[in-house]
């Protein structure tokens, strides 16, 4: 994990469940269809997830083996030191 072998099997690691919303239906009565499909980049979806995550859920990421804030930022766009 985070570019380093943990020596652990997946069943020994508490990997958080992530629900990224890459697409989402947005209700909008001004549209003929009643709304539109909002699309987000991977990093935008991560930011939306992170903004709504509880402190406990955020801590689960920080507790992952070999957690590296720079690798996490590279993957998600989130700097955990700034957006705790």
N, C-alpha and C. Protein backbone atom coordinates (compact mmCIF):
# COMPACT_ATOMS: atom_id res chain seq x y z
N UNK A 1 0.84 -1.17 0.00
CA UNK A 1 0.00 0.00 0.00
C UNK A 1 0.88 1.23 0.00
N UNK A 2 0.41 2.22 -0.71
CA UNK A 2 1.15 3.47 -0.83
C UNK A 2 2.58 3.21 -1.32
N UNK A 3 2.64 2.33 -2.31
CA UNK A 3 3.89 1.99 -3.01
C UNK A 3 4.89 1.23 -2.15
N UNK A 4 4.41 0.63 -1.06
CA UNK A 4 5.28 -0.14 -0.18
C UNK A 4 4.56 -1.42 0.22
N UNK A 5 5.27 -2.53 0.18
CA UNK A 5 4.69 -3.81 0.59
C UNK A 5 4.40 -3.79 2.08
N UNK A 6 3.21 -4.24 2.45
CA UNK A 6 2.84 -4.28 3.86
C UNK A 6 3.16 -5.62 4.50
N UNK A 7 3.29 -6.66 3.69
CA UNK A 7 3.47 -7.99 4.24
C UNK A 7 2.17 -8.56 4.79
N UNK A 8 1.06 -7.85 4.59
CA UNK A 8 -0.25 -8.27 5.09
C UNK A 8 -1.13 -8.73 3.94
N UNK A 9 -2.09 -9.58 4.25
CA UNK A 9 -3.10 -9.95 3.27
C UNK A 9 -4.27 -8.99 3.39
N UNK A 10 -5.09 -8.92 2.34
CA UNK A 10 -6.19 -7.96 2.31
C UNK A 10 -7.12 -8.12 3.51
N UNK A 11 -7.35 -9.34 3.96
CA UNK A 11 -8.26 -9.56 5.09
C UNK A 11 -7.69 -9.04 6.41
N UNK A 12 -6.42 -8.67 6.43
CA UNK A 12 -5.80 -8.13 7.64
C UNK A 12 -5.76 -6.59 7.64
N UNK A 13 -6.25 -5.98 6.54
CA UNK A 13 -6.21 -4.53 6.40
C UNK A 13 -7.64 -4.00 6.40
N UNK A 14 -7.91 -3.00 7.23
CA UNK A 14 -9.23 -2.37 7.29
C UNK A 14 -9.32 -1.30 6.20
N UNK A 15 -9.73 -1.73 5.02
CA UNK A 15 -9.82 -0.81 3.88
C UNK A 15 -11.19 -0.13 3.93
N UNK A 16 -11.21 1.20 4.00
CA UNK A 16 -12.48 1.92 4.06
C UNK A 16 -13.31 1.73 2.78
N UNK A 17 -14.62 1.74 2.96
CA UNK A 17 -15.54 1.69 1.82
C UNK A 17 -15.72 3.11 1.31
N UNK A 18 -15.56 3.28 0.00
CA UNK A 18 -15.61 4.61 -0.61
C UNK A 18 -16.73 4.64 -1.63
N UNK A 19 -17.56 5.65 -1.57
CA UNK A 19 -18.62 5.83 -2.55
C UNK A 19 -18.35 7.12 -3.31
N UNK A 20 -17.62 7.00 -4.41
CA UNK A 20 -17.31 8.17 -5.22
C UNK A 20 -18.42 8.41 -6.23
N UNK A 21 -18.89 9.64 -6.30
CA UNK A 21 -19.95 10.01 -7.23
C UNK A 21 -19.33 10.66 -8.45
N UNK A 22 -18.95 9.82 -9.41
CA UNK A 22 -18.38 10.34 -10.65
C UNK A 22 -19.48 10.93 -11.53
N UNK A 23 -20.68 10.39 -11.43
CA UNK A 23 -21.85 10.94 -12.12
C UNK A 23 -23.00 11.02 -11.12
N UNK A 24 -23.85 12.02 -11.29
CA UNK A 24 -24.98 12.19 -10.38
C UNK A 24 -26.08 12.96 -11.11
N UNK A 25 -27.31 12.49 -10.94
CA UNK A 25 -28.44 13.17 -11.54
C UNK A 25 -28.79 14.38 -10.69
N UNK A 26 -28.82 15.57 -11.33
CA UNK A 26 -29.15 16.81 -10.65
C UNK A 26 -30.53 17.26 -11.12
N UNK A 27 -31.47 17.35 -10.18
CA UNK A 27 -32.81 17.81 -10.51
C UNK A 27 -32.75 19.28 -10.92
N UNK A 28 -33.40 19.62 -12.02
CA UNK A 28 -33.45 21.00 -12.51
C UNK A 28 -34.69 21.15 -13.37
N UNK A 29 -35.70 21.79 -12.81
CA UNK A 29 -36.98 21.93 -13.50
C UNK A 29 -36.90 22.82 -14.74
N UNK A 30 -35.83 23.59 -14.87
CA UNK A 30 -35.70 24.43 -16.06
C UNK A 30 -35.26 23.63 -17.28
N UNK A 31 -34.81 22.41 -17.06
CA UNK A 31 -34.41 21.52 -18.15
C UNK A 31 -35.60 20.73 -18.65
N UNK A 32 -35.65 20.48 -19.93
CA UNK A 32 -36.74 19.71 -20.53
C UNK A 32 -36.86 18.34 -19.88
N UNK A 33 -35.75 17.72 -19.57
CA UNK A 33 -35.73 16.37 -19.00
C UNK A 33 -35.94 16.38 -17.48
N UNK A 34 -36.05 17.56 -16.88
CA UNK A 34 -36.22 17.65 -15.44
C UNK A 34 -34.92 17.66 -14.66
N UNK A 35 -33.82 17.68 -15.37
CA UNK A 35 -32.52 17.71 -14.72
C UNK A 35 -31.42 17.36 -15.70
N UNK A 36 -30.25 17.09 -15.17
CA UNK A 36 -29.11 16.75 -16.02
C UNK A 36 -28.15 15.84 -15.27
N UNK A 37 -27.31 15.17 -16.02
CA UNK A 37 -26.32 14.28 -15.44
C UNK A 37 -25.02 15.06 -15.23
N UNK A 38 -24.66 15.24 -13.97
CA UNK A 38 -23.43 15.95 -13.61
C UNK A 38 -22.29 14.94 -13.63
N UNK A 39 -21.22 15.27 -14.31
CA UNK A 39 -20.05 14.41 -14.32
C UNK A 39 -18.90 15.12 -13.62
N UNK A 40 -18.11 14.34 -12.92
CA UNK A 40 -16.97 14.88 -12.18
C UNK A 40 -15.71 14.11 -12.55
N UNK A 41 -14.58 14.78 -12.39
CA UNK A 41 -13.31 14.07 -12.52
C UNK A 41 -13.13 13.20 -11.29
N UNK A 42 -12.20 12.29 -11.37
CA UNK A 42 -11.89 11.40 -10.25
C UNK A 42 -11.54 12.21 -9.00
N UNK A 43 -10.72 13.23 -9.16
CA UNK A 43 -10.30 14.02 -8.00
C UNK A 43 -11.43 14.90 -7.48
N UNK A 44 -12.30 15.39 -8.35
CA UNK A 44 -13.48 16.14 -7.89
C UNK A 44 -14.39 15.22 -7.06
N UNK A 45 -14.57 13.98 -7.52
CA UNK A 45 -15.41 13.03 -6.79
C UNK A 45 -14.79 12.72 -5.43
N UNK A 46 -13.48 12.59 -5.38
CA UNK A 46 -12.82 12.35 -4.10
C UNK A 46 -13.03 13.53 -3.16
N UNK A 47 -12.93 14.75 -3.68
CA UNK A 47 -13.11 15.93 -2.84
C UNK A 47 -14.52 15.97 -2.27
N UNK A 48 -15.51 15.65 -3.09
CA UNK A 48 -16.90 15.59 -2.63
C UNK A 48 -17.05 14.54 -1.52
N UNK A 49 -16.46 13.37 -1.74
CA UNK A 49 -16.50 12.31 -0.71
C UNK A 49 -15.85 12.80 0.58
N UNK A 50 -14.64 13.35 0.47
CA UNK A 50 -13.87 13.76 1.64
C UNK A 50 -14.60 14.85 2.43
N UNK A 51 -15.23 15.78 1.73
CA UNK A 51 -15.96 16.86 2.40
C UNK A 51 -17.11 16.32 3.24
N UNK A 52 -17.70 15.20 2.82
CA UNK A 52 -18.82 14.62 3.55
C UNK A 52 -18.45 13.50 4.50
N UNK A 53 -17.19 13.12 4.51
CA UNK A 53 -16.75 12.00 5.36
C UNK A 53 -16.64 12.43 6.82
N UNK A 54 -16.96 11.51 7.71
CA UNK A 54 -16.83 11.78 9.15
C UNK A 54 -15.34 11.77 9.54
N UNK A 55 -15.05 12.29 10.71
CA UNK A 55 -13.67 12.26 11.21
C UNK A 55 -13.19 10.81 11.35
N UNK A 56 -14.12 9.95 11.76
CA UNK A 56 -13.78 8.53 11.92
C UNK A 56 -13.41 7.89 10.58
N UNK A 57 -14.19 8.20 9.54
CA UNK A 57 -13.90 7.65 8.21
C UNK A 57 -12.58 8.19 7.67
N UNK A 58 -12.31 9.46 7.90
CA UNK A 58 -11.04 10.03 7.46
C UNK A 58 -9.88 9.36 8.19
N UNK A 59 -10.07 9.10 9.48
CA UNK A 59 -9.02 8.46 10.27
C UNK A 59 -8.70 7.06 9.76
N UNK A 60 -9.69 6.36 9.22
CA UNK A 60 -9.46 5.03 8.67
C UNK A 60 -8.41 5.07 7.56
N UNK A 61 -8.42 6.13 6.76
CA UNK A 61 -7.41 6.26 5.70
C UNK A 61 -6.04 6.51 6.32
N UNK A 62 -5.99 7.40 7.31
CA UNK A 62 -4.72 7.73 7.95
C UNK A 62 -4.12 6.53 8.66
N UNK A 63 -4.97 5.59 9.08
CA UNK A 63 -4.51 4.40 9.79
C UNK A 63 -4.10 3.25 8.87
N UNK A 64 -4.26 3.41 7.57
CA UNK A 64 -3.86 2.35 6.64
C UNK A 64 -2.36 2.11 6.74
N UNK A 65 -1.93 0.86 6.58
CA UNK A 65 -0.49 0.57 6.64
C UNK A 65 0.28 1.39 5.61
N UNK A 66 1.39 1.92 6.03
CA UNK A 66 2.29 2.68 5.16
C UNK A 66 1.66 3.96 4.62
N UNK A 67 0.64 4.50 5.31
CA UNK A 67 -0.02 5.71 4.79
C UNK A 67 1.03 6.76 4.48
N UNK A 68 0.91 7.35 3.30
CA UNK A 68 1.82 8.41 2.85
C UNK A 68 0.95 9.54 2.31
N UNK A 69 0.99 10.67 2.99
CA UNK A 69 0.11 11.79 2.59
C UNK A 69 0.38 12.26 1.17
N UNK A 70 1.61 12.15 0.68
CA UNK A 70 1.93 12.63 -0.66
C UNK A 70 1.40 11.67 -1.73
N UNK A 71 1.47 10.39 -1.47
CA UNK A 71 0.89 9.41 -2.41
C UNK A 71 -0.62 9.57 -2.42
N UNK A 72 -1.21 9.73 -1.24
CA UNK A 72 -2.66 9.93 -1.14
C UNK A 72 -3.07 11.19 -1.91
N UNK A 73 -2.31 12.26 -1.77
CA UNK A 73 -2.62 13.51 -2.49
C UNK A 73 -2.48 13.31 -3.99
N UNK A 74 -1.46 12.58 -4.41
CA UNK A 74 -1.27 12.32 -5.83
C UNK A 74 -2.46 11.55 -6.42
N UNK A 75 -2.98 10.60 -5.66
CA UNK A 75 -4.10 9.78 -6.11
C UNK A 75 -5.41 10.54 -6.06
N UNK A 76 -5.67 11.24 -4.95
CA UNK A 76 -6.99 11.83 -4.69
C UNK A 76 -7.06 13.34 -4.89
N UNK A 77 -5.92 14.01 -4.83
CA UNK A 77 -5.91 15.47 -4.89
C UNK A 77 -6.12 16.09 -3.51
N UNK A 78 -6.21 15.27 -2.48
CA UNK A 78 -6.49 15.77 -1.13
C UNK A 78 -5.22 15.75 -0.28
N UNK A 79 -4.90 16.92 0.29
CA UNK A 79 -3.79 17.02 1.23
C UNK A 79 -4.39 16.90 2.62
N UNK A 80 -4.17 15.77 3.27
CA UNK A 80 -4.80 15.50 4.56
C UNK A 80 -4.35 16.47 5.65
N UNK A 81 -3.20 17.09 5.49
CA UNK A 81 -2.72 18.07 6.48
C UNK A 81 -3.53 19.36 6.39
N UNK A 82 -4.01 19.68 5.22
CA UNK A 82 -4.77 20.91 5.00
C UNK A 82 -6.26 20.67 5.21
N UNK A 83 -6.74 19.50 4.80
CA UNK A 83 -8.17 19.22 4.82
C UNK A 83 -8.56 18.16 5.84
N UNK A 84 -8.01 18.25 7.00
CA UNK A 84 -8.31 17.24 8.04
C UNK A 84 -9.74 17.30 8.51
